[in-house]
């Protein structure tokens, strides 16, 4: 199931292939955004972000997996 010709390729793309969960999360992310009042036609800028973890000032600055580490 899922191959061009199962007689030549026994790999079952439906049950054996490993997939990233990307699209599975979209309804949850979009739903949360709509609940926060973000409109579907609103454009958000993709850029560096700092997330405050607690009132003491500790936080996180997530980066892309391909980004080069920066010195602090």
PDB file of N, CA and C in Angstrom:
ATOM      1  N   UNK A   1       0.842  -1.183   0.000  1.00  0.00           N
ATOM      2  CA  UNK A   1       0.000   0.000   0.000  1.00  0.00           C
ATOM      3  C   UNK A   1       0.887   1.247   0.000  1.00  0.00           C
ATOM      4  N   UNK A   2       0.669   2.132  -0.909  1.00  0.00           N
ATOM      5  CA  UNK A   2       1.382   3.395  -0.917  1.00  0.00           C
ATOM      6  C   UNK A   2       2.578   3.446  -1.849  1.00  0.00           C
ATOM      7  N   UNK A   3       3.063   2.295  -2.348  1.00  0.00           N
ATOM      8  CA  UNK A   3       4.198   2.298  -3.264  1.00  0.00           C
ATOM      9  C   UNK A   3       3.702   2.309  -4.709  1.00  0.00           C
ATOM     10  N   UNK A   4       4.623   2.606  -5.630  1.00  0.00           N
ATOM     11  CA  UNK A   4       4.254   2.584  -7.049  1.00  0.00           C
ATOM     12  C   UNK A   4       3.928   1.155  -7.484  1.00  0.00           C
ATOM     13  N   UNK A   5       4.757   0.230  -7.069  1.00  0.00           N
ATOM     14  CA  UNK A   5       4.555  -1.171  -7.457  1.00  0.00           C
ATOM     15  C   UNK A   5       4.983  -2.044  -6.290  1.00  0.00           C
ATOM     16  N   UNK A   6       4.019  -2.567  -5.570  1.00  0.00           N
ATOM     17  CA  UNK A   6       4.300  -3.354  -4.366  1.00  0.00           C
ATOM     18  C   UNK A   6       5.102  -4.616  -4.689  1.00  0.00           C
ATOM     19  N   UNK A   7       4.998  -5.129  -5.912  1.00  0.00           N
ATOM     20  CA  UNK A   7       5.762  -6.318  -6.302  1.00  0.00           C
ATOM     21  C   UNK A   7       7.263  -6.037  -6.302  1.00  0.00           C
ATOM     22  N   UNK A   8       7.649  -4.775  -6.568  1.00  0.00           N
ATOM     23  CA  UNK A   8       9.065  -4.406  -6.617  1.00  0.00           C
ATOM     24  C   UNK A   8       9.524  -3.684  -5.357  1.00  0.00           C
ATOM     25  N   UNK A   9       8.622  -3.009  -4.688  1.00  0.00           N
ATOM     26  CA  UNK A   9       8.966  -2.224  -3.500  1.00  0.00           C
ATOM     27  C   UNK A   9       7.998  -2.595  -2.384  1.00  0.00           C
ATOM     28  N   UNK A  10       8.469  -3.377  -1.424  1.00  0.00           N
ATOM     29  CA  UNK A  10       7.607  -3.880  -0.348  1.00  0.00           C
ATOM     30  C   UNK A  10       7.464  -2.879   0.805  1.00  0.00           C
ATOM     31  N   UNK A  11       8.048  -1.695   0.659  1.00  0.00           N
ATOM     32  CA  UNK A  11       7.957  -0.690   1.727  1.00  0.00           C
ATOM     33  C   UNK A  11       6.553  -0.100   1.743  1.00  0.00           C
ATOM     34  N   UNK A  12       5.873  -0.212   2.864  1.00  0.00           N
ATOM     35  CA  UNK A  12       4.513   0.311   3.031  1.00  0.00           C
ATOM     36  C   UNK A  12       4.606   1.750   3.542  1.00  0.00           C
ATOM     37  N   UNK A  13       4.408   2.711   2.675  1.00  0.00           N
ATOM     38  CA  UNK A  13       4.553   4.126   3.035  1.00  0.00           C
ATOM     39  C   UNK A  13       3.510   4.583   4.054  1.00  0.00           C
ATOM     40  N   UNK A  14       2.383   3.912   4.119  1.00  0.00           N
ATOM     41  CA  UNK A  14       1.325   4.302   5.047  1.00  0.00           C
ATOM     42  C   UNK A  14       1.659   3.893   6.468  1.00  0.00           C
ATOM     43  N   UNK A  15       2.082   2.645   6.656  1.00  0.00           N
ATOM     44  CA  UNK A  15       2.310   2.136   8.006  1.00  0.00           C
ATOM     45  C   UNK A  15       3.762   2.142   8.454  1.00  0.00           C
ATOM     46  N   UNK A  16       4.716   2.142   7.544  1.00  0.00           N
ATOM     47  CA  UNK A  16       6.117   2.025   7.924  1.00  0.00           C
ATOM     48  C   UNK A  16       6.886   3.344   7.894  1.00  0.00           C
ATOM     49  N   UNK A  17       6.422   4.307   7.137  1.00  0.00           N
ATOM     50  CA  UNK A  17       7.158   5.571   7.011  1.00  0.00           C
ATOM     51  C   UNK A  17       7.043   6.388   8.290  1.00  0.00           C
ATOM     52  N   UNK A  18       8.158   6.980   8.701  1.00  0.00           N
ATOM     53  CA  UNK A  18       8.153   7.882   9.858  1.00  0.00           C
ATOM     54  C   UNK A  18       7.882   9.286   9.350  1.00  0.00           C
ATOM     55  N   UNK A  19       6.985   9.981  10.025  1.00  0.00           N
ATOM     56  CA  UNK A  19       6.616  11.327   9.596  1.00  0.00           C
ATOM     57  C   UNK A  19       6.747  12.311  10.746  1.00  0.00           C
ATOM     58  N   UNK A  20       7.023  13.549  10.379  1.00  0.00           N
ATOM     59  CA  UNK A  20       7.006  14.609  11.368  1.00  0.00           C
ATOM     60  C   UNK A  20       5.555  15.004  11.599  1.00  0.00           C
ATOM     61  N   UNK A  21       5.189  15.409  12.824  1.00  0.00           N
ATOM     62  CA  UNK A  21       3.793  15.693  13.143  1.00  0.00           C
ATOM     63  C   UNK A  21       3.295  17.056  12.689  1.00  0.00           C
ATOM     64  N   UNK A  22       4.079  17.806  11.925  1.00  0.00           N
ATOM     65  CA  UNK A  22       3.759  19.172  11.520  1.00  0.00           C
ATOM     66  C   UNK A  22       2.299  19.547  11.348  1.00  0.00           C
ATOM     67  N   UNK A  23       1.628  18.998  10.366  1.00  0.00           N
ATOM     68  CA  UNK A  23       0.258  19.408  10.064  1.00  0.00           C
ATOM     69  C   UNK A  23      -0.745  18.985  11.130  1.00  0.00           C
ATOM     70  N   UNK A  24      -0.386  18.009  11.935  1.00  0.00           N
ATOM     71  CA  UNK A  24      -1.285  17.559  13.000  1.00  0.00           C
ATOM     72  C   UNK A  24      -1.521  18.672  14.014  1.00  0.00           C
ATOM     73  N   UNK A  25      -0.533  19.537  14.216  1.00  0.00           N
ATOM     74  CA  UNK A  25      -0.633  20.596  15.215  1.00  0.00           C
ATOM     75  C   UNK A  25      -1.373  21.836  14.720  1.00  0.00           C
ATOM     76  N   UNK A  26      -1.509  21.996  13.416  1.00  0.00           N
ATOM     77  CA  UNK A  26      -2.085  23.220  12.862  1.00  0.00           C
ATOM     78  C   UNK A  26      -3.469  23.563  13.420  1.00  0.00           C
ATOM     79  N   UNK A  27      -4.415  22.622  13.507  1.00  0.00           N
ATOM     80  CA  UNK A  27      -5.731  23.000  14.046  1.00  0.00           C
ATOM     81  C   UNK A  27      -5.651  23.535  15.485  1.00  0.00           C
ATOM     82  N   UNK A  28      -4.744  22.995  16.285  1.00  0.00           N
ATOM     83  CA  UNK A  28      -4.604  23.447  17.663  1.00  0.00           C
ATOM     84  C   UNK A  28      -3.970  24.834  17.732  1.00  0.00           C
ATOM     85  N   UNK A  29      -2.951  25.059  16.913  1.00  0.00           N
ATOM     86  CA  UNK A  29      -2.278  26.363  16.896  1.00  0.00           C
ATOM     87  C   UNK A  29      -3.231  27.431  16.369  1.00  0.00           C
ATOM     88  N   UNK A  30      -3.909  27.131  15.256  1.00  0.00           N
ATOM     89  CA  UNK A  30      -4.848  28.097  14.690  1.00  0.00           C
ATOM     90  C   UNK A  30      -6.008  28.354  15.647  1.00  0.00           C
ATOM     91  N   UNK A  31      -6.515  27.296  16.284  1.00  0.00           N
ATOM     92  CA  UNK A  31      -7.619  27.454  17.233  1.00  0.00           C
ATOM     93  C   UNK A  31      -7.235  28.342  18.400  1.00  0.00           C
ATOM     94  N   UNK A  32      -6.030  28.152  18.938  1.00  0.00           N
ATOM     95  CA  UNK A  32      -5.556  28.985  20.046  1.00  0.00           C
ATOM     96  C   UNK A  32      -5.396  30.433  19.594  1.00  0.00           C
ATOM     97  N   UNK A  33      -4.906  30.633  18.379  1.00  0.00           N
ATOM     98  CA  UNK A  33      -4.741  31.995  17.862  1.00  0.00           C
ATOM     99  C   UNK A  33      -6.095  32.681  17.704  1.00  0.00           C
ATOM    100  N   UNK A  34      -7.082  31.965  17.185  1.00  0.00           N
ATOM    101  CA  UNK A  34      -8.422  32.542  17.024  1.00  0.00           C
ATOM    102  C   UNK A  34      -9.027  32.899  18.374  1.00  0.00           C
ATOM    103  N   UNK A  35      -8.807  32.047  19.384  1.00  0.00           N
ATOM    104  CA  UNK A  35      -9.317  32.340  20.730  1.00  0.00           C
ATOM    105  C   UNK A  35      -8.669  33.591  21.313  1.00  0.00           C
ATOM    106  N   UNK A  36      -7.427  33.875  20.901  1.00  0.00           N
ATOM    107  CA  UNK A  36      -6.720  35.069  21.376  1.00  0.00           C
ATOM    108  C   UNK A  36      -7.114  36.317  20.592  1.00  0.00           C
ATOM    109  N   UNK A  37      -7.981  36.151  19.589  1.00  0.00           N
ATOM    110  CA  UNK A  37      -8.445  37.303  18.828  1.00  0.00           C
ATOM    111  C   UNK A  37      -7.673  37.586  17.560  1.00  0.00           C
ATOM    112  N   UNK A  38      -6.744  36.723  17.193  1.00  0.00           N
ATOM    113  CA  UNK A  38      -5.998  36.921  15.960  1.00  0.00           C
ATOM    114  C   UNK A  38      -6.887  36.529  14.785  1.00  0.00           C
ATOM    115  N   UNK A  39      -6.952  37.387  13.793  1.00  0.00           N
ATOM    116  CA  UNK A  39      -7.801  37.171  12.623  1.00  0.00           C
ATOM    117  C   UNK A  39      -7.050  36.354  11.562  1.00  0.00           C
ATOM    118  N   UNK A  40      -7.764  35.572  10.750  1.00  0.00           N
ATOM    119  CA  UNK A  40      -7.110  34.766   9.715  1.00  0.00           C
ATOM    120  C   UNK A  40      -6.336  35.583   8.683  1.00  0.00           C
ATOM    121  N   UNK A  41      -6.716  36.831   8.468  1.00  0.00           N
ATOM    122  CA  UNK A  41      -6.028  37.657   7.471  1.00  0.00           C
ATOM    123  C   UNK A  41      -4.885  38.472   8.073  1.00  0.00           C
ATOM    124  N   UNK A  42      -4.604  38.285   9.352  1.00  0.00           N
ATOM    125  CA  UNK A  42      -3.553  39.040  10.035  1.00  0.00           C
ATOM    126  C   UNK A  42      -2.181  38.442   9.711  1.00  0.00           C
ATOM    127  N   UNK A  43      -1.196  39.297   9.444  1.00  0.00           N
ATOM    128  CA  UNK A  43       0.162  38.857   9.148  1.00  0.00           C
ATOM    129  C   UNK A  43       1.029  39.047  10.377  1.00  0.00           C
ATOM    130  N   UNK A  44       1.760  38.002  10.740  1.00  0.00           N
ATOM    131  CA  UNK A  44       2.680  38.071  11.878  1.00  0.00           C
ATOM    132  C   UNK A  44       4.107  37.986  11.354  1.00  0.00           C
ATOM    133  N   UNK A  45       4.989  38.790  11.922  1.00  0.00           N
ATOM    134  CA  UNK A  45       6.384  38.790  11.506  1.00  0.00           C
ATOM    135  C   UNK A  45       7.125  37.642  12.184  1.00  0.00           C
ATOM    136  N   UNK A  46       7.945  36.954  11.424  1.00  0.00           N
ATOM    137  CA  UNK A  46       8.772  35.881  11.947  1.00  0.00           C
ATOM    138  C   UNK A  46      10.136  36.465  12.282  1.00  0.00           C
ATOM    139  N   UNK A  47      10.456  36.537  13.550  1.00  0.00           N
ATOM    140  CA  UNK A  47      11.723  37.101  13.959  1.00  0.00           C
ATOM    141  C   UNK A  47      12.103  36.616  15.342  1.00  0.00           C
ATOM    142  N   UNK A  48      13.234  37.071  15.847  1.00  0.00           N
ATOM    143  CA  UNK A  48      13.680  36.659  17.174  1.00  0.00           C
ATOM    144  C   UNK A  48      12.637  37.003  18.242  1.00  0.00           C
ATOM    145  N   UNK A  49      12.509  36.139  19.231  1.00  0.00           N
ATOM    146  CA  UNK A  49      11.549  36.348  20.298  1.00  0.00           C
ATOM    147  C   UNK A  49      12.190  35.973  21.638  1.00  0.00           C
ATOM    148  N   UNK A  50      11.804  36.683  22.684  1.00  0.00           N
ATOM    149  CA  UNK A  50      12.230  36.359  24.039  1.00  0.00           C
ATOM    150  C   UNK A  50      10.982  36.034  24.845  1.00  0.00           C
ATOM    151  N   UNK A  51      10.981  34.894  25.496  1.00  0.00           N
ATOM    152  CA  UNK A  51       9.831  34.447  26.280  1.00  0.00           C
ATOM    153  C   UNK A  51      10.193  34.513  27.756  1.00  0.00           C
ATOM    154  N   UNK A  52       9.461  35.326  28.511  1.00  0.00           N
ATOM    155  CA  UNK A  52       9.718  35.440  29.947  1.00  0.00           C
ATOM    156  C   UNK A  52       9.103  34.233  30.649  1.00  0.00           C
ATOM    157  N   UNK A  53       9.928  33.524  31.410  1.00  0.00           N
ATOM    158  CA  UNK A  53       9.483  32.306  32.084  1.00  0.00           C
ATOM    159  C   UNK A  53       8.870  32.624  33.448  1.00  0.00           C
ATOM    160  N   UNK A  54       9.509  33.505  34.187  1.00  0.00           N
ATOM    161  CA  UNK A  54       8.981  33.854  35.505  1.00  0.00           C
ATOM    162  C   UNK A  54       9.211  35.337  35.778  1.00  0.00           C
ATOM    163  N   UNK A  55       8.685  35.812  36.899  1.00  0.00           N
ATOM    164  CA  UNK A  55       8.796  37.235  37.230  1.00  0.00           C
ATOM    165  C   UNK A  55      10.218  37.640  37.572  1.00  0.00           C
ATOM    166  N   UNK A  56      11.074  36.677  37.890  1.00  0.00           N
ATOM    167  CA  UNK A  56      12.459  36.959  38.240  1.00  0.00           C
ATOM    168  C   UNK A  56      13.320  37.339  37.056  1.00  0.00           C
ATOM    169  N   UNK A  57      12.782  37.227  35.876  1.00  0.00           N
ATOM    170  CA  UNK A  57      13.521  37.664  34.703  1.00  0.00           C
ATOM    171  C   UNK A  57      14.154  36.554  33.894  1.00  0.00           C
ATOM    172  N   UNK A  58      14.103  35.307  34.392  1.00  0.00           N
ATOM    173  CA  UNK A  58      14.689  34.253  33.566  1.00  0.00           C
ATOM    174  C   UNK A  58      13.786  34.035  32.367  1.00  0.00           C
ATOM    175  N   UNK A  59      14.408  33.697  31.266  1.00  0.00           N
ATOM    176  CA  UNK A  59      13.621  33.546  30.055  1.00  0.00           C
ATOM    177  C   UNK A  59      14.282  32.647  29.048  1.00  0.00           C
ATOM    178  N   UNK A  60      13.649  32.527  27.915  1.00  0.00           N
ATOM    179  CA  UNK A  60      14.155  31.690  26.835  1.00  0.00           C
ATOM    180  C   UNK A  60      14.185  32.499  25.554  1.00  0.00           C
ATOM    181  N   UNK A  61      15.188  32.244  24.749  1.00  0.00           N
ATOM    182  CA  UNK A  61      15.317  32.861  23.429  1.00  0.00           C
ATOM    183  C   UNK A  61      15.512  31.740  22.408  1.00  0.00           C
ATOM    184  N   UNK A  62      14.401  31.138  21.955  1.00  0.00           N
ATOM    185  CA  UNK A  62      14.516  30.042  21.000  1.00  0.00           C
ATOM    186  C   UNK A  62      15.116  30.505  19.682  1.00  0.00           C
ATOM    187  N   UNK A  63      15.881  29.615  19.053  1.00  0.00           N
ATOM    188  CA  UNK A  63      16.485  29.917  17.763  1.00  0.00           C
ATOM    189  C   UNK A  63      16.180  28.777  16.793  1.00  0.00           C
ATOM    190  N   UNK A  64      16.429  29.030  15.553  1.00  0.00           N
ATOM    191  CA  UNK A  64      16.265  28.019  14.525  1.00  0.00           C
ATOM    192  C   UNK A  64      17.305  26.934  14.716  1.00  0.00           C
ATOM    193  N   UNK A  65      16.960  25.721  14.345  1.00  0.00           N
ATOM    194  CA  UNK A  65      17.919  24.609  14.459  1.00  0.00           C
ATOM    195  C   UNK A  65      19.114  24.818  13.544  1.00  0.00           C
ATOM    196  N   UNK A  66      18.947  25.623  12.498  1.00  0.00           N
ATOM    197  CA  UNK A  66      20.048  25.871  11.559  1.00  0.00           C
ATOM    198  C   UNK A  66      20.826  27.137  11.892  1.00  0.00           C
ATOM    199  N   UNK A  67      20.357  27.881  12.900  1.00  0.00           N
ATOM    200  CA  UNK A  67      21.036  29.131  13.252  1.00  0.00           C
ATOM    201  C   UNK A  67      22.368  28.832  13.925  1.00  0.00           C
ATOM    202  N   UNK A  68      23.332  29.664  13.649  1.00  0.00           N
ATOM    203  CA  UNK A  68      24.632  29.510  14.304  1.00  0.00           C
ATOM    204  C   UNK A  68      24.562  30.078  15.707  1.00  0.00           C
ATOM    205  N   UNK A  69      25.202  29.421  16.680  1.00  0.00           N
ATOM    206  CA  UNK A  69      25.188  29.944  18.040  1.00  0.00           C
ATOM    207  C   UNK A  69      25.839  31.318  18.110  1.00  0.00           C
ATOM    208  N   UNK A  70      25.291  32.181  18.945  1.00  0.00           N
ATOM    209  CA  UNK A  70      25.866  33.511  19.126  1.00  0.00           C
ATOM    210  C   UNK A  70      26.545  33.571  20.472  1.00  0.00           C
ATOM    211  N   UNK A  71      27.596  34.356  20.563  1.00  0.00           N
ATOM    212  CA  UNK A  71      28.283  34.508  21.857  1.00  0.00           C
ATOM    213  C   UNK A  71      27.484  35.470  22.724  1.00  0.00           C
ATOM    214  N   UNK A  72      27.488  35.226  24.003  1.00  0.00           N
ATOM    215  CA  UNK A  72      26.724  36.071  24.928  1.00  0.00           C
ATOM    216  C   UNK A  72      27.640  36.928  25.734  1.00  0.00           C
TER     217      UNK A  72
END
